[in-house]
């Protein structure tokens, strides 16, 4: 069983010819709505990977909440602990260009009500062998409390450093596993791609943690206190990269939860993330385990 403490949003997605600069208007083509939120995305990915999932989150009292939770409910994520609060559901406003790149603005809505009491509820009864997934789209006091409890209770905690915040470094030091993309890792350590391997090794040894950096089409790298390795991505032509990182995180957690070693879990996660960029949207694009296993078989 994996527990996710995090955000749930409704994504409002516009496809545009290119990402606009500040003050600029550019023509667009299509508009769509899809369930999202980094916490919910990762919960769905882990569930589609085959893990038993429960979600601790908050949704608004508006009609958006139904759509925001629709795919989680359909795929069997335990939503018993999703609180309904008066007001708006969280919203992500997303522009996607012709190359599949995106820019995103988050309006937290109900996610902003999450606090340490939600962390206490999420960690109640968890112990050694349990897996906890965290991101940074809910207030940091909730995330920080959850990490402190996880460490005290022997829970494996996975922190995705997106979106990067001024307090991220201090919070990241409390996790068992830190997952960052290359931009976030540079913000975390000051190290660019030219010093990536050395900086990852230094971080893993000094913090006694596992650190994973996702590199888009170049796959992902990991450093532990005792060593490092890389895994490849599939060679694909991306349609929309918005859900790739969350798919990677969810599949990684599911792999570790089922007893895979870190490298095997990462290989599976990298393939899943590659498949996720072939469809638009975040949650709708998350592949199922059978699709990932088929792709893994073709690359073996």
Foldseek 3Di string as FASTA:
>chain_A
DEEEEFAKAKEWEWEFQDDDDVPDDGDTDDIDIAIDTLRLLLQLLLLLQPDAAEYAAEAEPDPRRCRNCVSVVVSHHHDVRYHYDYWHGKYKYWYAHQQQDIDIDIDHIGLAVDACVSLCVRCVPDAALYEYEYEPSHDVRNLQNNLVSCVVRNYQYEYECPPPDPCSLVSVLSHQEYEYEQVNVCVNQVDHPVCVVVSQQVCQQVSQHKYKYQYVQQAIKIYHPVGIDGEGADDDRFRHQVALVSSLSNQLRSCVSVPHPNVVSRNLSRHQSNQLRNDDDHNVSRHGNVVSVVVVVVVD
